[in-house]
Protein backbone atom coordinates (compact mmCIF):
# COMPACT_ATOMS: atom_id res chain seq x y z
CA MET A 1 66.64 10.91 52.70
CA ARG A 2 65.82 13.74 50.28
CA ARG A 3 67.64 11.98 47.43
CA LEU A 4 65.81 8.71 48.13
CA ALA A 5 62.45 10.51 48.20
CA LEU A 6 63.20 12.24 44.89
CA LEU A 7 64.29 8.96 43.34
CA ALA A 8 61.04 7.31 44.42
CA ALA A 9 59.05 10.29 43.10
CA PHE A 10 60.62 10.01 39.63
CA VAL A 11 60.01 6.26 39.55
CA LEU A 12 56.34 6.90 40.41
CA ALA A 13 56.25 9.59 37.70
CA GLY A 14 57.45 6.98 35.20
CA LEU A 15 54.70 4.63 36.34
CA GLY A 16 52.16 7.40 35.85
CA VAL A 17 53.42 8.30 32.39
CA SER A 18 53.33 4.66 31.34
CA ALA A 19 49.77 4.26 32.62
CA VAL A 20 48.53 7.41 30.87
CA VAL A 21 50.33 6.90 27.55
CA GLY A 22 49.93 3.13 27.49
CA VAL A 23 53.56 2.15 26.98
CA ASP A 24 54.24 -1.48 26.11
CA ALA A 25 56.74 -2.31 28.87
CA ALA A 26 57.60 -5.67 27.31
CA ALA A 27 58.44 -4.28 23.86
CA LEU A 28 60.15 -1.04 24.92
CA PRO A 29 63.55 -2.53 25.93
CA HIS A 30 63.93 -4.05 22.47
CA SER A 31 63.47 -0.76 20.59
CA ALA A 32 66.43 1.08 19.04
CA ALA A 33 65.65 4.34 20.86
CA TYR A 34 65.69 2.58 24.23
CA HIS A 35 69.01 0.92 23.38
CA TRP A 36 70.73 4.20 22.48
CA ALA A 37 69.28 6.03 25.48
CA ALA A 38 70.40 3.35 27.94
CA TYR A 39 73.95 3.33 26.60
CA LEU A 40 74.13 7.13 26.56
CA LEU A 41 73.06 7.28 30.22
CA LEU A 42 75.64 4.62 31.04
CA ALA A 43 78.40 6.59 29.28
CA VAL A 44 77.47 9.78 31.17
CA GLY A 45 77.36 7.95 34.50
CA LEU A 46 80.74 6.28 34.00
CA TYR A 47 82.49 9.46 32.90
CA GLY A 48 81.02 11.32 35.86
CA ALA A 49 82.20 8.62 38.27
CA THR A 50 85.86 8.74 37.23
CA TYR A 51 85.94 12.52 36.61
CA GLY A 52 85.40 13.15 40.31
CA ILE A 53 88.25 10.92 41.56
CA ASP A 54 90.97 12.78 43.48
CA LEU A 55 93.96 11.03 41.91
CA ALA A 56 96.51 12.43 44.38
CA GLN A 57 94.54 11.27 47.41
CA ALA A 58 93.72 7.97 45.74
CA ARG A 59 97.46 7.28 45.35
CA HIS A 60 97.86 7.84 49.10
CA ASP A 61 95.25 5.17 49.96
CA ARG A 62 95.90 3.04 46.91
CA LYS A 63 96.33 -0.21 48.86
CA ILE A 64 92.82 -0.12 50.37
CA ILE A 65 91.24 1.24 47.20
CA ILE A 66 92.86 -1.32 44.88
CA SER A 67 91.78 -4.12 47.21
CA ALA A 68 88.25 -2.71 47.45
CA VAL A 69 87.65 -2.29 43.72
CA THR A 70 89.29 -5.54 42.61
CA VAL A 71 89.03 -8.30 45.19
CA GLY A 72 86.28 -6.46 47.07
CA VAL A 73 84.00 -6.00 44.06
CA VAL A 74 84.48 -9.57 42.85
CA VAL A 75 83.89 -11.05 46.31
CA LYS A 76 80.80 -8.87 46.83
CA ALA A 77 79.41 -9.93 43.47
CA LEU A 78 80.03 -13.60 44.27
CA ILE A 79 78.43 -13.31 47.71
CA ILE A 80 75.36 -11.52 46.35
CA GLY A 81 74.93 -13.55 43.19
CA GLY A 82 75.83 -16.89 44.75
CA THR A 83 73.49 -16.45 47.71
CA MET A 84 70.56 -15.35 45.56
CA ALA A 85 71.17 -17.97 42.85
CA LEU A 86 71.14 -20.73 45.46
CA ALA A 87 68.12 -19.34 47.29
CA TRP A 88 66.03 -18.75 44.14
CA ARG A 89 67.65 -21.49 42.03
CA ASP A 90 68.08 -19.06 39.14
CA PRO A 91 71.56 -18.48 37.62
CA LEU A 92 70.48 -15.05 36.36
CA PHE A 93 71.02 -13.78 39.92
CA LEU A 94 74.75 -14.28 39.38
CA LEU A 95 74.53 -11.50 36.79
CA MET A 96 72.30 -9.30 38.91
CA GLY A 97 74.72 -9.74 41.80
CA VAL A 98 77.40 -8.05 39.71
CA ALA A 99 75.02 -5.24 38.70
CA VAL A 100 74.32 -4.22 42.31
CA ALA A 101 77.83 -4.71 43.72
CA GLN A 102 78.80 -1.03 43.49
CA ILE A 103 78.37 1.91 45.89
CA ASP A 104 76.58 4.92 44.40
CA PRO A 105 79.10 7.82 44.04
CA LEU A 106 76.38 10.51 43.95
CA SER A 107 75.03 9.42 47.32
CA VAL A 108 78.56 9.28 48.71
CA ALA A 109 79.23 12.81 47.44
CA ALA A 110 76.36 14.02 49.61
CA LEU A 111 78.17 12.59 52.67
CA MET A 112 81.45 14.42 52.07
CA GLY A 113 80.56 17.15 54.56
CA ASP A 114 79.41 14.62 57.15
CA GLY A 115 81.47 14.75 60.33
CA ARG A 116 80.65 11.21 61.42
CA MET A 117 83.65 9.85 59.51
CA SER A 118 87.25 11.03 59.49
CA THR A 119 88.66 12.83 56.46
CA ARG A 120 90.61 9.73 55.52
CA ALA A 121 87.51 7.50 55.71
CA ARG A 122 85.51 9.93 53.55
CA THR A 123 88.31 9.99 50.98
CA VAL A 124 88.55 6.19 50.91
CA LEU A 125 84.77 5.88 50.52
CA ALA A 126 84.68 8.52 47.75
CA ALA A 127 87.45 6.79 45.80
CA TRP A 128 85.96 3.36 46.48
CA SER A 129 82.54 4.40 45.15
CA SER A 130 84.06 6.15 42.14
CA PHE A 131 86.35 3.30 41.10
CA ASP A 132 83.96 0.41 41.73
CA ASP A 133 81.38 1.95 39.37
CA PRO A 134 83.41 1.34 36.17
CA ILE A 135 84.64 -2.00 37.49
CA THR A 136 81.10 -3.31 38.06
CA VAL A 137 79.93 -1.93 34.72
CA ILE A 138 82.70 -3.70 32.84
CA LEU A 139 82.14 -6.91 34.80
CA THR A 140 78.41 -6.70 34.09
CA VAL A 141 78.94 -6.19 30.37
CA TYR A 142 81.23 -9.20 30.08
CA ALA A 143 79.16 -11.32 32.49
CA ALA A 144 76.09 -10.58 30.36
CA ALA A 145 77.94 -11.80 27.26
CA VAL A 146 78.92 -15.02 29.06
CA ALA A 147 75.35 -15.52 30.32
CA ALA A 148 73.97 -15.00 26.82
CA ALA A 149 76.52 -17.43 25.37
CA PHE A 150 75.27 -20.08 27.79
CA GLY A 151 71.68 -19.61 26.70
CA LEU A 152 70.33 -17.12 29.24
CA GLY A 153 68.32 -14.17 27.97
CA THR A 154 66.71 -13.71 24.59
CA ALA A 155 67.64 -15.81 21.60
CA SER A 156 69.06 -12.78 19.78
CA ALA A 157 71.29 -12.03 22.75
CA ALA A 158 72.71 -15.52 22.78
CA ALA A 159 73.23 -15.55 19.03
CA GLY A 160 75.07 -12.23 19.06
CA SER A 161 77.67 -13.15 21.67
CA PRO A 162 80.65 -14.96 20.10
CA TRP A 163 83.39 -15.29 22.66
CA PRO A 164 86.24 -15.21 23.68
CA LEU A 165 87.24 -13.43 20.44
CA HIS A 166 84.47 -10.92 21.14
CA TYR A 167 86.13 -9.96 24.45
CA LEU A 168 89.49 -9.35 22.84
CA THR A 169 88.11 -7.17 20.06
CA ASP A 170 85.92 -5.28 22.54
CA LEU A 171 88.88 -4.66 24.86
CA ALA A 172 90.98 -3.48 21.93
CA GLY A 173 88.22 -1.08 20.90
CA ASN A 174 87.94 0.35 24.41
CA LEU A 175 91.68 0.86 24.77
CA GLY A 176 91.96 2.24 21.24
CA LEU A 177 89.23 4.84 21.81
CA ALA A 178 90.78 5.89 25.13
CA ALA A 179 94.24 6.16 23.55
CA LEU A 180 92.97 8.29 20.66
CA ALA A 181 91.15 10.54 23.12
CA TRP A 182 94.33 10.93 25.18
CA LEU A 183 96.39 11.87 22.13
CA ALA A 184 93.77 14.38 21.03
CA TRP A 185 93.44 15.81 24.54
CA ARG A 186 97.16 16.66 24.67
CA HIS A 187 96.70 19.03 21.73
CA LEU A 188 93.43 20.60 22.93
CA ARG A 189 94.41 22.01 26.32
CA THR A 190 93.98 25.62 25.17
CA ARG A 191 90.77 25.05 23.18
CA PRO A 192 87.80 24.52 25.53
CA TRP A 193 85.25 24.21 22.73
CA ALA A 194 87.33 21.46 21.11
CA GLN A 195 87.61 19.65 24.45
CA TYR A 196 83.82 19.52 24.78
CA ALA A 197 83.50 18.41 21.16
CA LEU A 198 85.96 15.58 21.83
CA LEU A 199 83.96 14.41 24.85
CA ILE A 200 80.72 14.43 22.86
CA VAL A 201 82.30 12.44 20.02
CA CYS A 202 83.71 9.89 22.49
CA ALA A 203 80.32 9.53 24.21
CA VAL A 204 78.58 8.97 20.88
CA VAL A 205 81.15 6.37 19.82
CA ALA A 206 80.81 4.59 23.18
CA MET A 207 77.02 4.69 22.87
CA CYS A 208 77.11 3.14 19.40
CA THR A 209 79.75 0.50 20.14
CA GLY A 210 79.19 -0.25 23.84
CA TRP A 211 82.80 0.65 24.68
CA MET A 212 82.04 1.83 28.21
CA LEU A 213 85.48 1.08 29.64
CA ALA A 214 86.82 3.81 27.34
CA MET A 215 84.53 6.43 28.94
CA ALA A 216 85.74 5.42 32.40
CA LEU A 217 89.38 5.78 31.29
CA ILE A 218 88.73 9.11 29.55
CA GLY A 219 87.28 10.51 32.76
CA LEU A 220 90.67 10.05 34.42
CA PHE A 221 92.46 12.58 32.18
CA ALA A 222 89.95 14.54 30.06
CA ARG A 223 88.73 17.01 32.67
CA PRO A 224 87.70 20.47 31.44
CA SER A 225 87.83 22.74 34.49
CA ALA A 226 84.52 24.42 33.68
CA LEU A 227 82.79 21.05 33.65
CA ALA A 228 83.39 20.59 37.37
CA ARG A 229 80.41 22.85 38.13
CA LEU A 230 78.09 21.32 35.54
CA LEU A 231 78.87 17.62 35.78
CA PRO A 232 77.12 16.94 39.12
CA ARG A 233 73.90 18.42 37.67
CA ILE A 234 74.32 16.48 34.42
CA THR A 235 74.87 13.22 36.28
CA GLU A 236 71.97 13.85 38.65
CA THR A 237 69.71 14.64 35.71
CA ALA A 238 70.78 11.39 34.07
CA MET A 239 69.93 9.50 37.26
CA TYR A 240 66.42 10.96 37.49
CA ALA A 241 65.83 10.34 33.77
CA ALA A 242 66.86 6.73 34.35
CA ALA A 243 64.50 6.56 37.34
CA VAL A 244 61.59 7.64 35.12
CA ALA A 245 62.49 4.93 32.60
CA LEU A 246 62.67 2.45 35.47
CA GLY A 247 59.14 3.42 36.51
CA VAL A 248 57.88 2.97 32.95
CA LEU A 249 59.24 -0.58 32.84
CA LEU A 250 57.81 -1.45 36.25
CA THR A 251 54.33 -1.45 34.75
CA GLY A 252 55.30 -4.91 33.51
CA GLY A 253 55.45 -6.16 37.10
CA VAL A 254 57.59 -6.07 40.27
CA ASP A 255 59.18 -9.00 42.13
CA LEU A 256 59.16 -7.55 45.64
CA ALA A 257 60.35 -10.67 47.46
CA ALA A 258 63.38 -11.31 45.25
CA GLY A 259 64.17 -7.59 45.03
CA ALA A 260 64.06 -7.04 48.79
CA ALA A 261 66.25 -10.11 49.34
CA LEU A 262 68.74 -8.93 46.70
CA GLY A 263 69.01 -5.49 48.31
CA ALA A 264 69.46 -6.96 51.80
CA VAL A 265 72.15 -9.41 50.64
CA ALA A 266 73.96 -6.59 48.80
CA PHE A 267 73.99 -4.51 51.99
CA ALA A 268 75.28 -7.44 54.04
CA ALA A 269 77.96 -8.23 51.43
CA GLN A 270 79.37 -4.71 51.77
CA ALA A 271 79.84 -5.27 55.51
CA ALA A 272 81.44 -8.68 54.93
CA VAL A 273 83.96 -7.19 52.49
CA ALA A 274 84.62 -3.81 54.13
CA TRP A 275 85.36 -5.07 57.64
CA PRO A 276 88.55 -7.03 56.82
CA LEU A 277 89.69 -4.48 54.22
CA THR A 278 89.62 -1.59 56.72
CA ARG A 279 91.74 -3.17 59.44
CA GLY A 280 93.85 -0.53 61.16
CA MET A 281 91.29 2.25 60.72
CA PRO A 282 89.37 3.69 63.71
CA GLY A 283 86.38 1.65 64.83
CA GLN A 284 83.88 4.39 64.02
CA ASP A 285 85.16 4.61 60.43
CA ARG A 286 85.08 0.84 60.03
CA TRP A 287 81.44 0.68 61.11
CA HIS A 288 80.37 3.40 58.70
CA LEU A 289 82.35 1.91 55.79
CA ALA A 290 80.80 -1.49 56.52
CA ALA A 291 77.33 0.12 56.31
CA ALA A 292 78.12 2.24 53.23
CA GLN A 293 76.14 0.29 50.62
CA GLN A 294 73.87 2.58 48.58
CA HIS A 295 72.48 2.26 45.07
CA GLY A 296 71.81 4.96 42.54
CA ILE A 297 72.52 5.87 38.94
CA THR A 298 74.78 2.92 38.02
CA ALA A 299 72.49 0.22 39.41
CA ILE A 300 69.48 1.85 37.73
CA ILE A 301 71.17 2.22 34.34
CA LEU A 302 72.63 -1.30 34.48
CA ALA A 303 69.12 -2.63 35.17
CA LEU A 304 67.79 -0.70 32.18
CA THR A 305 70.65 -1.98 30.00
CA LEU A 306 70.34 -5.61 31.09
CA GLU A 307 66.60 -5.54 30.45
CA ILE A 308 67.43 -5.35 26.72
CA GLN A 309 68.79 -8.92 26.87
CA PHE A 310 67.34 -10.36 30.07
CA THR A 311 63.64 -9.76 30.62
CA GLY A 312 62.61 -9.30 34.26
CA VAL A 313 65.85 -7.79 35.59
CA VAL A 314 64.24 -4.40 36.28
CA ALA A 315 61.42 -6.04 38.25
CA VAL A 316 64.01 -7.39 40.70
CA ILE A 317 66.69 -4.67 40.80
CA ALA A 318 64.22 -1.78 41.30
CA PRO A 319 63.01 -2.98 44.74
CA ALA A 320 66.59 -4.04 45.54
CA ILE A 321 67.73 -0.43 45.12
CA LEU A 322 65.01 0.80 47.46
CA THR A 323 65.76 -1.90 50.05
CA ALA A 324 69.51 -1.25 50.16
CA ASN A 325 69.01 2.51 50.49
CA LEU A 326 66.46 2.12 53.29
CA LEU A 327 68.82 -0.25 55.11
CA HIS A 328 71.65 2.25 54.70
CA MET A 329 69.58 4.99 56.30
CA ALA A 330 68.29 2.84 59.18
CA VAL A 331 71.54 1.03 60.01
CA ASN A 332 73.66 4.20 59.94
CA ARG A 333 71.26 5.91 62.33
CA LEU A 334 71.54 2.90 64.64
CA ILE A 335 75.34 3.01 64.42
CA ASP A 336 75.35 6.75 65.20
CA ARG A 337 73.20 6.21 68.29
CA ARG A 338 75.35 3.31 69.42
CA LEU A 339 78.58 5.26 69.01
CA ALA A 340 77.12 8.37 70.66
CA HIS A 341 75.89 6.36 73.67
CA PRO A 342 78.24 3.40 74.12
CA ALA A 343 77.13 0.62 76.43
CA PRO A 344 78.60 0.87 79.95
CA PRO A 345 81.45 -1.55 80.69
CA SER A 346 80.46 -4.75 82.42
CA GLY A 347 82.04 -7.09 84.92
CA ASP A 348 84.62 -5.97 87.46
CA HIS A 349 84.78 -2.46 85.95
CA VAL A 350 81.34 -1.51 87.29
CA ALA A 351 80.95 -0.98 90.99
CA ASP A 352 78.21 -3.04 92.65
CA ALA A 353 75.66 -0.56 93.98
CA SER A 354 74.48 -3.09 96.59
CA VAL A 355 77.86 -3.06 98.40
CA PRO A 356 78.57 0.14 100.35
CA ALA A 357 81.81 1.86 99.44
CA GLN A 358 84.60 1.35 102.02
CA PRO A 359 86.46 4.46 103.19
CA SER A 360 90.05 4.75 102.09
CA ALA A 361 92.97 4.67 104.53
CA SER A 362 93.52 8.42 104.18
CA ASP A 363 89.86 9.09 104.97
CA GLN A 364 90.13 6.89 108.11
CA ALA A 365 93.22 8.80 109.26
CA GLU A 366 91.50 12.17 108.76
CA ASP A 367 88.49 10.93 110.74
CA ALA A 368 90.77 9.82 113.63
CA GLU A 369 92.28 13.31 113.91
CA LEU A 370 88.92 14.99 114.33
CA PRO A 371 87.94 15.80 117.96
């Protein structure tokens, strides 16, 4: 609740700044400064998501996690995007469905001390939220290129998206940057300052080229120990900075109806995907994993990034983020109450109060022996 209130406060602060300064919300996403800032925030968010993955524990639950972040993410994106595209008759919702298909890892991190779920369920959820972040980012980047190639978005976006050759060269660049970082990291284990310098260089290269998959891969092995204390604050700061930028852009208008529907469908899609994937886990864990959908830094930054090419995305995704988070809070409270006070069994298992209880045979025998 506190995180949601802070997020809303920073969005309102962005609205206030925009109103006072007089920012042109329509022109801002097409400026160079906005472009670099959005990609830098995305690089920080992706690195932070994969840095926090417990690789040993993830290997233990690899079957559920692999299913969740591959089939699960794709199916969620199709459910969200397909439902909204049919309801609103706008193919751009197929792209927005991908952008909101992830679970926010920062919000999940706040639940790690929560006793409502078992240790295994918390580990699965933490790994799920960490892995599906880079997957949805990569899917969004490539889906945006496909959408632009088919004429959606600005004219410049469509003109600058040659494919499929573009995908191959982009994939090669991502893998090449990650491989170079891995080779360099092997020789920098005893030089902390050089490790930080390497991470900064990689982030700048990713920001300039859009090679975000590389940052997600680098977070799996380039992990300075001292950064463990600082990274949560860095990532949280990036999220609130993105929330301010979101508020600035909202001065251009908000589509409450479409946004609320998108958030509700995203929440429902999580339940539809999580329930079959968690078969064999305790019922309490399955309920909480089904109601685990939350949005945060990745959804915000993807909205900011997509706004560069597709005008109006922020106006829809901003209220979707709020809706999904409010549903998460309300539904989980309802689940907790339901699990704490289960409904009494019905049918033959409940004695009919209108029929007096008959004494047992032993009670009748004891009564006969009394004088």
